[in-house]
Amino acid sequence: MKVGQTIKHKKPDQDDSLVPLINIVFLMLIFFMVAGHISQSDPIKVQPPLSASDTKQIEQPLVIVVSDDGQVAIDQDIVADDNLLPSINQQFEAAADKEKFRILVKVDGSLPVERLQHVLSIIKQSGIKRVSLATQKQAEIS
């Protein structure tokens, strides 16, 4: 044992205070990855009409979105009425299982009925029989 020798104290490392912060950031990242749900949104914002039916569809349909101002979108692309029928036929020809091919039409609840009828008549010209109209479940009044 040496007498008179001074003990050198280790300087507190400045990085030690970052470790808890890094742990919290990673925990928050994991929480938001698990709790969050990432889904592709429609290119046009619509508020579907209300419905009392609760029928759910299983297979993935071709989604046609019609906004309240009459814009039509297929698979994230806004199309004109003249290009709607060729786009539907192209999607049908590219489908792997033509027997299960179906169309889901999502329209805004405030869309005029005449505009919806026009879009549905274009879809009818394609010859596809499995067409659904997307609605949101009506809240039960008690």
Protein backbone atom coordinates (compact mmCIF):
# COMPACT_ATOMS: atom_id res chain seq x y z
CA MET A 1 0.00 0.00 0.00
CA LYS A 2 1.41 3.31 -0.99
CA VAL A 3 0.84 6.11 1.35
CA GLY A 4 0.28 9.57 -0.02
CA GLN A 5 -0.83 8.43 -3.43
CA THR A 6 -3.86 10.24 -4.70
CA ILE A 7 -6.70 8.26 -6.15
CA LYS A 8 -7.74 9.37 -9.58
CA HIS A 9 -11.48 9.50 -9.86
CA LYS A 10 -13.03 8.56 -13.17
CA LYS A 11 -14.66 11.51 -14.87
CA PRO A 12 -18.34 10.97 -15.36
CA ASP A 13 -18.90 10.06 -18.97
CA GLN A 14 -21.31 12.40 -20.68
CA ASP A 15 -22.73 9.56 -22.82
CA ASP A 16 -24.12 7.79 -19.75
CA SER A 17 -27.06 10.19 -19.60
CA LEU A 18 -28.08 9.35 -23.18
CA VAL A 19 -28.65 5.64 -22.57
CA PRO A 20 -32.03 6.04 -20.82
CA LEU A 21 -33.13 8.46 -23.54
CA ILE A 22 -32.21 5.97 -26.27
CA ASN A 23 -34.10 3.23 -24.42
CA ILE A 24 -37.23 5.37 -24.23
CA VAL A 25 -37.02 6.29 -27.91
CA PHE A 26 -36.72 2.64 -28.93
CA LEU A 27 -39.64 1.65 -26.70
CA MET A 28 -41.78 4.38 -28.26
CA LEU A 29 -40.74 3.27 -31.74
CA ILE A 30 -41.70 -0.34 -31.01
CA PHE A 31 -45.02 0.77 -29.47
CA PHE A 32 -46.02 2.83 -32.51
CA MET A 33 -44.96 0.08 -34.91
CA VAL A 34 -47.13 -2.46 -33.09
CA ALA A 35 -50.08 -0.16 -32.33
CA GLY A 36 -50.18 1.64 -35.66
CA HIS A 37 -51.92 0.36 -38.75
CA ILE A 38 -50.57 1.39 -42.12
CA SER A 39 -52.97 1.14 -45.02
CA GLN A 40 -53.15 2.71 -48.40
CA SER A 41 -55.57 5.59 -48.52
CA ASP A 42 -57.89 6.46 -51.37
CA PRO A 43 -56.68 9.13 -53.80
CA ILE A 44 -59.97 10.98 -53.32
CA LYS A 45 -61.50 11.54 -49.89
CA VAL A 46 -65.03 10.13 -49.69
CA GLN A 47 -67.58 9.62 -46.94
CA PRO A 48 -69.56 6.46 -47.87
CA PRO A 49 -73.33 6.43 -47.35
CA LEU A 50 -74.80 4.70 -44.30
CA SER A 51 -76.18 1.17 -44.44
CA ALA A 52 -77.96 -1.17 -42.05
CA SER A 53 -76.36 -4.24 -43.71
CA ASP A 54 -73.15 -5.71 -42.32
CA THR A 55 -71.99 -7.92 -45.21
CA LYS A 56 -68.22 -8.30 -45.44
CA GLN A 57 -66.34 -9.23 -48.61
CA ILE A 58 -63.34 -11.58 -48.48
CA GLU A 59 -61.48 -11.40 -51.80
CA GLN A 60 -59.70 -8.24 -52.97
CA PRO A 61 -61.86 -6.30 -55.44
CA LEU A 62 -61.02 -3.65 -58.00
CA VAL A 63 -61.81 -0.44 -56.11
CA ILE A 64 -63.40 2.45 -57.98
CA VAL A 65 -63.68 5.65 -55.92
CA VAL A 66 -66.06 8.47 -56.87
CA SER A 67 -65.79 11.77 -54.98
CA ASP A 68 -68.62 14.19 -54.22
CA ASP A 69 -67.53 16.41 -57.11
CA GLY A 70 -67.66 13.48 -59.58
CA GLN A 71 -63.96 12.60 -59.92
CA VAL A 72 -63.34 8.88 -60.51
CA ALA A 73 -60.23 6.99 -59.42
CA ILE A 74 -59.10 3.41 -60.06
CA ASP A 75 -56.13 2.04 -58.12
CA GLN A 76 -54.83 5.43 -56.97
CA ASP A 77 -55.13 6.95 -60.48
CA ILE A 78 -57.76 9.54 -61.33
CA VAL A 79 -59.37 8.65 -64.67
CA ALA A 80 -61.79 10.40 -66.99
CA ASP A 81 -65.14 8.84 -67.88
CA ASP A 82 -63.83 8.02 -71.36
CA ASN A 83 -60.99 5.96 -69.88
CA LEU A 84 -63.07 4.22 -67.20
CA LEU A 85 -64.33 1.32 -69.35
CA PRO A 86 -60.91 0.55 -70.93
CA SER A 87 -59.30 0.65 -67.46
CA ILE A 88 -61.86 -1.79 -66.05
CA ASN A 89 -61.41 -4.14 -69.02
CA GLN A 90 -57.63 -3.97 -68.66
CA GLN A 91 -57.86 -4.89 -64.95
CA PHE A 92 -60.25 -7.73 -65.74
CA GLU A 93 -57.93 -9.16 -68.41
CA ALA A 94 -54.98 -8.96 -65.99
CA ALA A 95 -56.90 -10.78 -63.21
CA ALA A 96 -55.65 -14.24 -62.30
CA ASP A 97 -59.09 -15.64 -61.42
CA LYS A 98 -61.74 -14.10 -63.66
CA GLU A 99 -64.53 -16.01 -61.87
CA LYS A 100 -63.82 -14.22 -58.58
CA PHE A 101 -63.13 -10.81 -60.12
CA ARG A 102 -65.38 -8.15 -58.66
CA ILE A 103 -65.63 -4.39 -58.43
CA LEU A 104 -66.15 -2.36 -55.26
CA VAL A 105 -67.53 1.13 -55.87
CA LYS A 106 -66.82 3.63 -53.08
CA VAL A 107 -68.81 6.84 -53.46
CA ASP A 108 -69.28 9.89 -51.32
CA GLY A 109 -72.64 9.96 -49.54
CA SER A 110 -73.40 13.41 -50.97
CA LEU A 111 -72.76 12.36 -54.59
CA PRO A 112 -75.81 13.02 -56.81
CA VAL A 113 -77.60 9.83 -57.78
CA GLU A 114 -77.42 10.72 -61.49
CA ARG A 115 -73.60 10.71 -61.35
CA LEU A 116 -73.59 7.34 -59.56
CA GLN A 117 -75.97 5.91 -62.16
CA HIS A 118 -73.69 7.14 -64.95
CA VAL A 119 -70.63 5.44 -63.37
CA LEU A 120 -72.60 2.23 -62.78
CA SER A 121 -73.80 2.23 -66.40
CA ILE A 122 -70.18 2.42 -67.57
CA ILE A 123 -69.33 -0.52 -65.29
CA LYS A 124 -72.34 -2.43 -66.65
CA GLN A 125 -70.98 -2.01 -70.19
CA SER A 126 -67.91 -4.02 -69.13
CA GLY A 127 -70.13 -7.06 -68.54
CA ILE A 128 -68.88 -7.68 -64.99
CA LYS A 129 -71.73 -8.90 -62.81
CA ARG A 130 -70.10 -8.83 -59.36
CA VAL A 131 -70.33 -5.16 -58.38
CA SER A 132 -70.66 -3.94 -54.77
CA LEU A 133 -71.32 -0.51 -53.33
CA ALA A 134 -69.25 0.34 -50.24
CA THR A 135 -71.20 1.73 -47.31
CA GLN A 136 -70.46 2.38 -43.68
CA LYS A 137 -72.45 0.72 -40.92
CA GLN A 138 -75.16 2.93 -39.54
CA ALA A 139 -74.92 3.54 -35.80
CA GLU A 140 -77.74 1.83 -33.99
CA ILE A 141 -80.12 4.31 -32.40
CA SER A 142 -81.23 3.32 -28.92
